[in-house]
Amino acid sequence: MHGHSPRGRQVTDDAVSVAAPISARGEVVAALSIVVRGSSPAAVRPMAPGVRAAARAISRTLSEGPEQA
């Protein structure tokens, strides 16, 4: 597992996406996804690190709780 999931043609025939899990206190509660025009998962591969980083940042904020956010 790389911490992200690239997918092709699940939205439209000319779109691919990459998603990463968002967790709060150790439990997955959501996912962050981007969709771009392309014909294969390779089209979003360069974006995967940014999607993972954003998902980790959201997860940290959620895990801190409202009193520290």
PDB file of N, CA and C in Angstrom:
ATOM      1  N   MET A   1       0.844  -1.188   0.000  1.00  0.00           N
ATOM      2  CA  MET A   1       0.000   0.000   0.000  1.00  0.00           C
ATOM      3  C   MET A   1       0.882   1.242   0.000  1.00  0.00           C
ATOM      4  N   HIS A   2       0.572   2.177  -0.864  1.00  0.00           N
ATOM      5  CA  HIS A   2       1.359   3.388  -0.994  1.00  0.00           C
ATOM      6  C   HIS A   2       0.722   4.582  -0.297  1.00  0.00           C
ATOM      7  N   GLY A   3      -0.432   4.402   0.321  1.00  0.00           N
ATOM      8  CA  GLY A   3      -1.117   5.523   0.949  1.00  0.00           C
ATOM      9  C   GLY A   3      -1.982   6.310  -0.009  1.00  0.00           C
ATOM     10  N   HIS A   4      -2.132   5.827  -1.231  1.00  0.00           N
ATOM     11  CA  HIS A   4      -3.008   6.472  -2.200  1.00  0.00           C
ATOM     12  C   HIS A   4      -3.521   5.411  -3.177  1.00  0.00           C
ATOM     13  N   SER A   5      -4.532   5.785  -3.921  1.00  0.00           N
ATOM     14  CA  SER A   5      -5.138   4.841  -4.856  1.00  0.00           C
ATOM     15  C   SER A   5      -5.430   5.524  -6.186  1.00  0.00           C
ATOM     16  N   PRO A   6      -4.624   5.263  -7.216  1.00  0.00           N
ATOM     17  CA  PRO A   6      -4.940   5.832  -8.532  1.00  0.00           C
ATOM     18  C   PRO A   6      -5.995   4.988  -9.241  1.00  0.00           C
ATOM     19  N   ARG A   7      -6.897   5.631  -9.953  1.00  0.00           N
ATOM     20  CA  ARG A   7      -7.949   4.935 -10.691  1.00  0.00           C
ATOM     21  C   ARG A   7      -8.154   5.608 -12.029  1.00  0.00           C
ATOM     22  N   GLY A   8      -8.502   4.809 -13.021  1.00  0.00           N
ATOM     23  CA  GLY A   8      -8.752   5.344 -14.350  1.00  0.00           C
ATOM     24  C   GLY A   8     -10.177   5.125 -14.790  1.00  0.00           C
ATOM     25  N   ARG A   9     -10.716   6.109 -15.481  1.00  0.00           N
ATOM     26  CA  ARG A   9     -12.016   6.049 -16.146  1.00  0.00           C
ATOM     27  C   ARG A   9     -13.181   5.637 -15.247  1.00  0.00           C
ATOM     28  N   GLN A  10     -13.181   6.089 -13.999  1.00  0.00           N
ATOM     29  CA  GLN A  10     -14.310   5.788 -13.126  1.00  0.00           C
ATOM     30  C   GLN A  10     -15.304   6.941 -13.068  1.00  0.00           C
ATOM     31  N   VAL A  11     -14.887   8.116 -13.488  1.00  0.00           N
ATOM     32  CA  VAL A  11     -15.795   9.266 -13.536  1.00  0.00           C
ATOM     33  C   VAL A  11     -16.294   9.444 -14.967  1.00  0.00           C
ATOM     34  N   THR A  12     -15.355   9.561 -15.905  1.00  0.00           N
ATOM     35  CA  THR A  12     -15.671   9.596 -17.333  1.00  0.00           C
ATOM     36  C   THR A  12     -14.577   8.826 -18.064  1.00  0.00           C
ATOM     37  N   ASP A  13     -14.768   8.587 -19.349  1.00  0.00           N
ATOM     38  CA  ASP A  13     -13.778   7.832 -20.116  1.00  0.00           C
ATOM     39  C   ASP A  13     -12.449   8.553 -20.265  1.00  0.00           C
ATOM     40  N   ASP A  14     -12.432   9.866 -20.091  1.00  0.00           N
ATOM     41  CA  ASP A  14     -11.186  10.610 -20.269  1.00  0.00           C
ATOM     42  C   ASP A  14     -10.703  11.248 -18.968  1.00  0.00           C
ATOM     43  N   ALA A  15     -11.010  10.616 -17.833  1.00  0.00           N
ATOM     44  CA  ALA A  15     -10.583  11.155 -16.540  1.00  0.00           C
ATOM     45  C   ALA A  15      -9.974  10.055 -15.681  1.00  0.00           C
ATOM     46  N   VAL A  16      -8.971  10.443 -14.909  1.00  0.00           N
ATOM     47  CA  VAL A  16      -8.351   9.544 -13.931  1.00  0.00           C
ATOM     48  C   VAL A  16      -8.281  10.287 -12.607  1.00  0.00           C
ATOM     49  N   SER A  17      -8.197   9.526 -11.527  1.00  0.00           N
ATOM     50  CA  SER A  17      -8.184  10.166 -10.211  1.00  0.00           C
ATOM     51  C   SER A  17      -7.162   9.499  -9.310  1.00  0.00           C
ATOM     52  N   VAL A  18      -6.848  10.191  -8.233  1.00  0.00           N
ATOM     53  CA  VAL A  18      -6.014   9.629  -7.178  1.00  0.00           C
ATOM     54  C   VAL A  18      -6.640  10.060  -5.862  1.00  0.00           C
ATOM     55  N   ALA A  19      -6.676   9.140  -4.901  1.00  0.00           N
ATOM     56  CA  ALA A  19      -7.305   9.416  -3.608  1.00  0.00           C
ATOM     57  C   ALA A  19      -6.405   8.938  -2.485  1.00  0.00           C
ATOM     58  N   ALA A  20      -6.543   9.555  -1.327  1.00  0.00           N
ATOM     59  CA  ALA A  20      -5.803   9.157  -0.132  1.00  0.00           C
ATOM     60  C   ALA A  20      -6.755   9.198   1.058  1.00  0.00           C
ATOM     61  N   PRO A  21      -6.567   8.298   2.011  1.00  0.00           N
ATOM     62  CA  PRO A  21      -7.468   8.255   3.160  1.00  0.00           C
ATOM     63  C   PRO A  21      -7.228   9.404   4.133  1.00  0.00           C
ATOM     64  N   ILE A  22      -8.305   9.825   4.786  1.00  0.00           N
ATOM     65  CA  ILE A  22      -8.256  10.806   5.868  1.00  0.00           C
ATOM     66  C   ILE A  22      -8.714  10.082   7.123  1.00  0.00           C
ATOM     67  N   SER A  23      -7.923  10.182   8.178  1.00  0.00           N
ATOM     68  CA  SER A  23      -8.281   9.488   9.415  1.00  0.00           C
ATOM     69  C   SER A  23      -8.355  10.468  10.577  1.00  0.00           C
ATOM     70  N   ALA A  24      -9.061  10.053  11.595  1.00  0.00           N
ATOM     71  CA  ALA A  24      -9.167  10.816  12.839  1.00  0.00           C
ATOM     72  C   ALA A  24      -9.017   9.825  13.984  1.00  0.00           C
ATOM     73  N   ARG A  25      -7.981  10.031  14.762  1.00  0.00           N
ATOM     74  CA  ARG A  25      -7.710   9.159  15.910  1.00  0.00           C
ATOM     75  C   ARG A  25      -7.623   7.684  15.507  1.00  0.00           C
ATOM     76  N   GLY A  26      -6.941   7.425  14.381  1.00  0.00           N
ATOM     77  CA  GLY A  26      -6.689   6.067  13.945  1.00  0.00           C
ATOM     78  C   GLY A  26      -7.778   5.397  13.121  1.00  0.00           C
ATOM     79  N   GLU A  27      -8.875   6.076  12.877  1.00  0.00           N
ATOM     80  CA  GLU A  27      -9.975   5.501  12.100  1.00  0.00           C
ATOM     81  C   GLU A  27     -10.164   6.292  10.814  1.00  0.00           C
ATOM     82  N   VAL A  28     -10.249   5.592   9.677  1.00  0.00           N
ATOM     83  CA  VAL A  28     -10.485   6.277   8.400  1.00  0.00           C
ATOM     84  C   VAL A  28     -11.908   6.819   8.394  1.00  0.00           C
ATOM     85  N   VAL A  29     -12.028   8.134   8.148  1.00  0.00           N
ATOM     86  CA  VAL A  29     -13.341   8.785   8.191  1.00  0.00           C
ATOM     87  C   VAL A  29     -13.747   9.408   6.856  1.00  0.00           C
ATOM     88  N   ALA A  30     -12.777   9.523   5.931  1.00  0.00           N
ATOM     89  CA  ALA A  30     -13.073  10.162   4.641  1.00  0.00           C
ATOM     90  C   ALA A  30     -11.918   9.873   3.691  1.00  0.00           C
ATOM     91  N   ALA A  31     -12.012  10.429   2.498  1.00  0.00           N
ATOM     92  CA  ALA A  31     -10.923  10.352   1.525  1.00  0.00           C
ATOM     93  C   ALA A  31     -10.841  11.682   0.793  1.00  0.00           C
ATOM     94  N   LEU A  32      -9.636  12.022   0.375  1.00  0.00           N
ATOM     95  CA  LEU A  32      -9.402  13.206  -0.439  1.00  0.00           C
ATOM     96  C   LEU A  32      -9.063  12.715  -1.836  1.00  0.00           C
ATOM     97  N   SER A  33      -9.722  13.268  -2.851  1.00  0.00           N
ATOM     98  CA  SER A  33      -9.529  12.798  -4.216  1.00  0.00           C
ATOM     99  C   SER A  33      -9.418  13.972  -5.170  1.00  0.00           C
ATOM    100  N   ILE A  34      -8.601  13.788  -6.202  1.00  0.00           N
ATOM    101  CA  ILE A  34      -8.583  14.736  -7.317  1.00  0.00           C
ATOM    102  C   ILE A  34      -8.851  13.953  -8.591  1.00  0.00           C
ATOM    103  N   VAL A  35      -9.479  14.593  -9.539  1.00  0.00           N
ATOM    104  CA  VAL A  35      -9.798  13.988 -10.831  1.00  0.00           C
ATOM    105  C   VAL A  35      -9.220  14.899 -11.909  1.00  0.00           C
ATOM    106  N   VAL A  36      -8.479  14.305 -12.842  1.00  0.00           N
ATOM    107  CA  VAL A  36      -7.882  15.081 -13.936  1.00  0.00           C
ATOM    108  C   VAL A  36      -8.157  14.380 -15.266  1.00  0.00           C
ATOM    109  N   ARG A  37      -8.052  15.124 -16.331  1.00  0.00           N
ATOM    110  CA  ARG A  37      -8.206  14.551 -17.661  1.00  0.00           C
ATOM    111  C   ARG A  37      -6.965  13.716 -17.970  1.00  0.00           C
ATOM    112  N   GLY A  38      -7.188  12.507 -18.419  1.00  0.00           N
ATOM    113  CA  GLY A  38      -6.084  11.628 -18.768  1.00  0.00           C
ATOM    114  C   GLY A  38      -6.606  10.270 -19.173  1.00  0.00           C
ATOM    115  N   SER A  39      -5.699   9.425 -19.678  1.00  0.00           N
ATOM    116  CA  SER A  39      -6.127   8.115 -20.168  1.00  0.00           C
ATOM    117  C   SER A  39      -5.585   6.960 -19.338  1.00  0.00           C
ATOM    118  N   SER A  40      -4.720   7.245 -18.354  1.00  0.00           N
ATOM    119  CA  SER A  40      -4.187   6.174 -17.516  1.00  0.00           C
ATOM    120  C   SER A  40      -3.826   6.732 -16.143  1.00  0.00           C
ATOM    121  N   PRO A  41      -3.711   5.866 -15.149  1.00  0.00           N
ATOM    122  CA  PRO A  41      -3.312   6.329 -13.810  1.00  0.00           C
ATOM    123  C   PRO A  41      -1.974   7.063 -13.800  1.00  0.00           C
ATOM    124  N   ALA A  42      -1.147   6.862 -14.810  1.00  0.00           N
ATOM    125  CA  ALA A  42       0.128   7.582 -14.881  1.00  0.00           C
ATOM    126  C   ALA A  42      -0.082   9.096 -14.944  1.00  0.00           C
ATOM    127  N   ALA A  43      -1.237   9.535 -15.425  1.00  0.00           N
ATOM    128  CA  ALA A  43      -1.515  10.973 -15.534  1.00  0.00           C
ATOM    129  C   ALA A  43      -1.584  11.649 -14.164  1.00  0.00           C
ATOM    130  N   VAL A  44      -1.956  10.906 -13.130  1.00  0.00           N
ATOM    131  CA  VAL A  44      -2.057  11.512 -11.797  1.00  0.00           C
ATOM    132  C   VAL A  44      -0.902  11.127 -10.881  1.00  0.00           C
ATOM    133  N   ARG A  45      -0.036  10.242 -11.344  1.00  0.00           N
ATOM    134  CA  ARG A  45       1.080   9.792 -10.500  1.00  0.00           C
ATOM    135  C   ARG A  45       1.886  10.959  -9.917  1.00  0.00           C
ATOM    136  N   PRO A  46       2.218  12.016 -10.683  1.00  0.00           N
ATOM    137  CA  PRO A  46       2.982  13.126 -10.105  1.00  0.00           C
ATOM    138  C   PRO A  46       2.219  13.883  -9.010  1.00  0.00           C
ATOM    139  N   MET A  47       0.904  13.758  -8.995  1.00  0.00           N
ATOM    140  CA  MET A  47       0.084  14.474  -8.014  1.00  0.00           C
ATOM    141  C   MET A  47      -0.121  13.686  -6.727  1.00  0.00           C
ATOM    142  N   ALA A  48       0.180  12.402  -6.743  1.00  0.00           N
ATOM    143  CA  ALA A  48      -0.068  11.550  -5.585  1.00  0.00           C
ATOM    144  C   ALA A  48       0.624  12.039  -4.313  1.00  0.00           C
ATOM    145  N   PRO A  49       1.889  12.474  -4.349  1.00  0.00           N
ATOM    146  CA  PRO A  49       2.509  12.949  -3.108  1.00  0.00           C
ATOM    147  C   PRO A  49       1.772  14.143  -2.482  1.00  0.00           C
ATOM    148  N   GLY A  50       1.289  15.053  -3.315  1.00  0.00           N
ATOM    149  CA  GLY A  50       0.545  16.204  -2.802  1.00  0.00           C
ATOM    150  C   GLY A  50      -0.792  15.810  -2.198  1.00  0.00           C
ATOM    151  N   VAL A  51      -1.463  14.848  -2.828  1.00  0.00           N
ATOM    152  CA  VAL A  51      -2.737  14.361  -2.293  1.00  0.00           C
ATOM    153  C   VAL A  51      -2.503  13.683  -0.942  1.00  0.00           C
ATOM    154  N   ARG A  52      -1.455  12.855  -0.852  1.00  0.00           N
ATOM    155  CA  ARG A  52      -1.142  12.193   0.425  1.00  0.00           C
ATOM    156  C   ARG A  52      -0.795  13.217   1.502  1.00  0.00           C
ATOM    157  N   ALA A  53       0.007  14.219   1.147  1.00  0.00           N
ATOM    158  CA  ALA A  53       0.397  15.243   2.125  1.00  0.00           C
ATOM    159  C   ALA A  53      -0.819  16.019   2.622  1.00  0.00           C
ATOM    160  N   ALA A  54      -1.714  16.379   1.720  1.00  0.00           N
ATOM    161  CA  ALA A  54      -2.922  17.107   2.120  1.00  0.00           C
ATOM    162  C   ALA A  54      -3.808  16.242   3.014  1.00  0.00           C
ATOM    163  N   ALA A  55      -3.946  14.961   2.666  1.00  0.00           N
ATOM    164  CA  ALA A  55      -4.762  14.059   3.483  1.00  0.00           C
ATOM    165  C   ALA A  55      -4.152  13.892   4.878  1.00  0.00           C
ATOM    166  N   ARG A  56      -2.824  13.797   4.949  1.00  0.00           N
ATOM    167  CA  ARG A  56      -2.164  13.696   6.269  1.00  0.00           C
ATOM    168  C   ARG A  56      -2.387  14.953   7.098  1.00  0.00           C
ATOM    169  N   ALA A  57      -2.311  16.120   6.452  1.00  0.00           N
ATOM    170  CA  ALA A  57      -2.523  17.384   7.177  1.00  0.00           C
ATOM    171  C   ALA A  57      -3.948  17.473   7.706  1.00  0.00           C
ATOM    172  N   ILE A  58      -4.914  17.092   6.903  1.00  0.00           N
ATOM    173  CA  ILE A  58      -6.308  17.093   7.362  1.00  0.00           C
ATOM    174  C   ILE A  58      -6.468  16.094   8.500  1.00  0.00           C
ATOM    175  N   SER A  59      -5.860  14.925   8.374  1.00  0.00           N
ATOM    176  CA  SER A  59      -5.944  13.907   9.432  1.00  0.00           C
ATOM    177  C   SER A  59      -5.370  14.429  10.741  1.00  0.00           C
ATOM    178  N   ARG A  60      -4.221  15.107  10.682  1.00  0.00           N
ATOM    179  CA  ARG A  60      -3.619  15.681  11.907  1.00  0.00           C
ATOM    180  C   ARG A  60      -4.574  16.676  12.560  1.00  0.00           C
ATOM    181  N   THR A  61      -5.164  17.549  11.741  1.00  0.00           N
ATOM    182  CA  THR A  61      -6.095  18.549  12.286  1.00  0.00           C
ATOM    183  C   THR A  61      -7.297  17.886  12.928  1.00  0.00           C
ATOM    184  N   LEU A  62      -7.850  16.883  12.272  1.00  0.00           N
ATOM    185  CA  LEU A  62      -9.012  16.183  12.835  1.00  0.00           C
ATOM    186  C   LEU A  62      -8.654  15.451  14.121  1.00  0.00           C
ATOM    187  N   SER A  63      -7.460  14.884  14.169  1.00  0.00           N
ATOM    188  CA  SER A  63      -7.049  14.113  15.360  1.00  0.00           C
ATOM    189  C   SER A  63      -6.732  15.006  16.542  1.00  0.00           C
ATOM    190  N   GLU A  64      -6.380  16.269  16.278  1.00  0.00           N
ATOM    191  CA  GLU A  64      -6.095  17.203  17.379  1.00  0.00           C
ATOM    192  C   GLU A  64      -7.354  17.539  18.164  1.00  0.00           C
ATOM    193  N   GLY A  65      -8.489  17.513  17.520  1.00  0.00           N
ATOM    194  CA  GLY A  65      -9.739  17.854  18.190  1.00  0.00           C
ATOM    195  C   GLY A  65     -10.009  19.338  18.150  1.00  0.00           C
ATOM    196  N   PRO A  66     -11.238  19.727  18.424  1.00  0.00           N
ATOM    197  CA  PRO A  66     -11.637  21.148  18.310  1.00  0.00           C
ATOM    198  C   PRO A  66     -10.924  22.060  19.304  1.00  0.00           C
ATOM    199  N   GLU A  67     -10.517  21.534  20.452  1.00  0.00           N
ATOM    200  CA  GLU A  67      -9.899  22.400  21.447  1.00  0.00           C
ATOM    201  C   GLU A  67      -8.499  22.842  21.058  1.00  0.00           C
ATOM    202  N   GLN A  68      -7.833  22.146  20.117  1.00  0.00           N
ATOM    203  CA  GLN A  68      -6.486  22.520  19.720  1.00  0.00           C
ATOM    204  C   GLN A  68      -6.390  22.986  18.269  1.00  0.00           C
ATOM    205  N   ALA A  69      -7.454  22.839  17.509  1.00  0.00           N
ATOM    206  CA  ALA A  69      -7.402  23.202  16.089  1.00  0.00           C
ATOM    207  C   ALA A  69      -7.413  24.691  15.896  1.00  0.00           C
TER     208      ALA A  69
END
